[in-house]
Protein backbone atom coordinates (compact mmCIF):
# COMPACT_ATOMS: atom_id res chain seq x y z
CA UNK A 1 -51.30 -6.73 -43.58
CA UNK A 2 -50.79 -3.40 -44.96
CA UNK A 3 -47.32 -1.77 -46.16
CA UNK A 4 -48.08 0.88 -43.98
CA UNK A 5 -47.09 -0.83 -41.00
CA UNK A 6 -43.85 0.78 -39.60
CA UNK A 7 -42.30 -2.52 -38.45
CA UNK A 8 -42.91 -4.21 -42.08
CA UNK A 9 -40.98 -1.60 -44.04
CA UNK A 10 -36.79 -2.08 -43.67
CA UNK A 11 -36.42 1.61 -44.16
CA UNK A 12 -39.02 2.47 -41.20
CA UNK A 13 -37.19 -0.23 -38.98
CA UNK A 14 -33.86 1.19 -39.61
CA UNK A 15 -35.13 4.80 -38.76
CA UNK A 16 -36.77 3.20 -35.64
CA UNK A 17 -33.43 1.57 -34.60
CA UNK A 18 -31.39 5.08 -35.08
CA UNK A 19 -34.00 6.97 -32.96
CA UNK A 20 -33.53 4.38 -30.16
CA UNK A 21 -29.99 4.55 -30.20
CA UNK A 22 -29.64 8.07 -30.40
CA UNK A 23 -32.21 8.60 -27.32
CA UNK A 24 -29.63 6.61 -25.31
CA UNK A 25 -27.25 9.34 -23.70
CA UNK A 26 -25.21 6.94 -21.93
CA UNK A 27 -24.17 7.59 -18.26
CA UNK A 28 -25.36 10.80 -16.39
CA UNK A 29 -22.64 12.98 -14.74
CA UNK A 30 -23.86 11.74 -11.26
CA UNK A 31 -23.63 8.21 -12.15
CA UNK A 32 -19.82 8.75 -13.29
CA UNK A 33 -19.20 10.65 -10.00
CA UNK A 34 -20.65 8.29 -7.68
CA UNK A 35 -18.51 5.33 -9.53
CA UNK A 36 -15.41 7.28 -9.28
CA UNK A 37 -16.14 8.00 -5.47
CA UNK A 38 -16.38 4.27 -4.96
CA UNK A 39 -13.40 3.45 -6.80
CA UNK A 40 -11.36 6.16 -4.72
CA UNK A 41 -12.75 4.82 -1.47
CA UNK A 42 -11.91 1.08 -2.45
CA UNK A 43 -8.35 2.43 -3.48
CA UNK A 44 -7.69 4.20 -0.31
CA UNK A 45 -8.87 1.30 1.93
CA UNK A 46 -6.52 -1.32 -0.18
CA UNK A 47 -3.62 1.22 -0.43
CA UNK A 48 -3.34 1.83 3.36
CA UNK A 49 -3.48 -2.02 3.87
CA UNK A 50 -0.78 -2.57 1.32
CA UNK A 51 1.60 0.25 2.33
CA UNK A 52 1.64 -1.33 5.96
CA UNK A 53 2.44 -4.47 4.66
CA UNK A 54 5.34 -3.15 2.43
CA UNK A 55 6.91 -1.43 5.51
CA UNK A 56 6.38 -4.68 7.86
CA UNK A 57 8.21 -6.74 4.97
CA UNK A 58 11.02 -4.01 4.84
CA UNK A 59 11.48 -4.16 8.67
CA UNK A 60 11.69 -7.99 8.67
CA UNK A 61 13.91 -8.39 5.49
CA UNK A 62 16.34 -5.95 7.54
CA UNK A 63 15.94 -8.24 10.72
CA UNK A 64 16.65 -11.16 8.61
CA UNK A 65 19.79 -9.78 6.92
CA UNK A 66 21.11 -8.79 10.35
CA UNK A 67 20.58 -12.17 11.94
CA UNK A 68 22.78 -13.46 8.96
CA UNK A 69 25.57 -10.80 9.82
CA UNK A 70 25.45 -12.05 13.64
CA UNK A 71 25.55 -15.67 12.36
CA UNK A 72 28.54 -14.87 10.32
CA UNK A 73 30.20 -12.72 13.01
CA UNK A 74 29.93 -15.64 15.45
CA UNK A 75 31.47 -17.89 13.02
CA UNK A 76 34.39 -15.19 12.41
CA UNK A 77 34.57 -15.27 16.38
CA UNK A 78 34.70 -19.05 16.60
CA UNK A 79 37.52 -19.25 13.95
CA UNK A 80 39.75 -16.30 15.24
CA UNK A 81 38.53 -15.71 19.00
CA UNK A 82 37.32 -12.31 18.74
CA UNK A 83 34.80 -10.26 16.60
CA UNK A 84 35.98 -7.77 13.98
CA UNK A 85 36.45 -4.31 15.33
CA UNK A 86 34.55 -1.29 14.41
CA UNK A 87 36.67 -0.01 11.91
CA UNK A 88 37.30 -3.49 10.26
CA UNK A 89 33.27 -3.27 10.10
CA UNK A 90 31.13 -5.95 8.25
CA UNK A 91 33.16 -5.94 5.45
CA UNK A 92 35.82 -8.38 7.42
CA UNK A 93 33.18 -11.02 6.74
CA UNK A 94 33.86 -10.70 3.03
CA UNK A 95 37.79 -9.79 2.64
CA UNK A 96 40.31 -10.37 5.40
CA UNK A 97 41.20 -7.37 7.52
CA UNK A 98 44.50 -5.81 6.80
CA UNK A 99 44.61 -3.44 9.80
CA UNK A 100 43.68 -3.42 13.31
CA UNK A 101 43.61 -7.12 14.97
CA UNK A 102 44.48 -9.53 12.18
CA UNK A 103 42.62 -12.68 12.28
CA UNK A 104 44.95 -15.73 11.90
CA UNK A 105 42.50 -18.12 10.80
CA UNK A 106 40.10 -16.23 8.55
CA UNK A 107 38.14 -18.45 6.45
CA UNK A 108 38.99 -18.40 2.69
CA UNK A 109 36.00 -17.40 0.75
CA UNK A 110 34.90 -15.25 3.74
CA UNK A 111 31.75 -15.81 6.11
CA UNK A 112 28.88 -14.46 3.66
CA UNK A 113 28.00 -16.08 0.52
CA UNK A 114 28.55 -12.70 -1.34
CA UNK A 115 31.30 -10.39 -2.75
CA UNK A 116 29.39 -7.26 -1.66
CA UNK A 117 27.74 -6.55 1.61
CA UNK A 118 23.78 -5.99 1.13
CA UNK A 119 22.33 -2.67 2.04
CA UNK A 120 19.28 -2.48 3.91
CA UNK A 121 15.55 -2.14 2.20
CA UNK A 122 16.00 1.63 2.57
CA UNK A 123 19.30 1.34 0.58
CA UNK A 124 21.41 2.50 3.53
CA UNK A 125 24.57 0.72 4.83
CA UNK A 126 24.15 -1.33 7.98
CA UNK A 127 25.89 0.03 10.86
CA UNK A 128 28.31 -2.10 12.85
CA UNK A 129 30.00 -1.23 16.27
CA UNK A 130 32.22 -3.45 18.22
CA UNK A 131 31.29 -2.47 21.70
CA UNK A 132 33.78 -3.80 24.13
CA UNK A 133 33.89 -7.13 22.36
CA UNK A 134 30.39 -7.44 21.71
CA UNK A 135 29.14 -6.68 18.08
CA UNK A 136 26.02 -4.51 17.49
CA UNK A 137 24.38 -4.14 14.37
CA UNK A 138 21.80 -2.00 13.32
CA UNK A 139 19.54 -0.53 10.61
CA UNK A 140 18.99 3.28 10.71
CA UNK A 141 15.44 2.53 9.20
CA UNK A 142 13.13 4.50 7.03
CA UNK A 143 14.36 7.83 8.18
CA UNK A 144 17.93 7.05 7.39
CA UNK A 145 18.98 8.97 10.85
CA UNK A 146 20.77 6.97 13.46
CA UNK A 147 19.66 6.72 17.25
CA UNK A 148 15.99 7.57 16.17
CA UNK A 149 12.74 5.90 17.18
CA UNK A 150 12.72 3.82 13.83
CA UNK A 151 16.21 2.33 14.25
CA UNK A 152 15.79 -1.55 13.49
CA UNK A 153 17.87 -4.13 15.45
CA UNK A 154 18.27 -7.98 14.84
CA UNK A 155 15.48 -10.24 16.36
């Protein structure tokens, strides 16, 4: 074995490794762009699926809350013989009304397990109307406007 062999000399071995390391340029611009496009496509597909689920969950949450209001209103009616009028609204489930038709057997503690009315998933108040003795509850939905296509009613 001669000392002129490049792999035997530690200085030559270091130089060889340095040359190999410097000859590797990393990813080409094309490779990086392909990866970015693939990630973008995947994010788009997943994003659409998730956004659809979020809106569905909001609608179902609103319908569940309104069903709870309806149950509480039915208990109110059983105790008092009538539903709250429109002006008294859903607040009459939390605090006894002081105007309009006053309930004589309003349940102490109210008809909801809260001291505040929850808002709908779009941070709007639920609408309540007593129409001819029948309660109507609705959420104005994502657009925040009543009497539009996206209004949400209880199930």
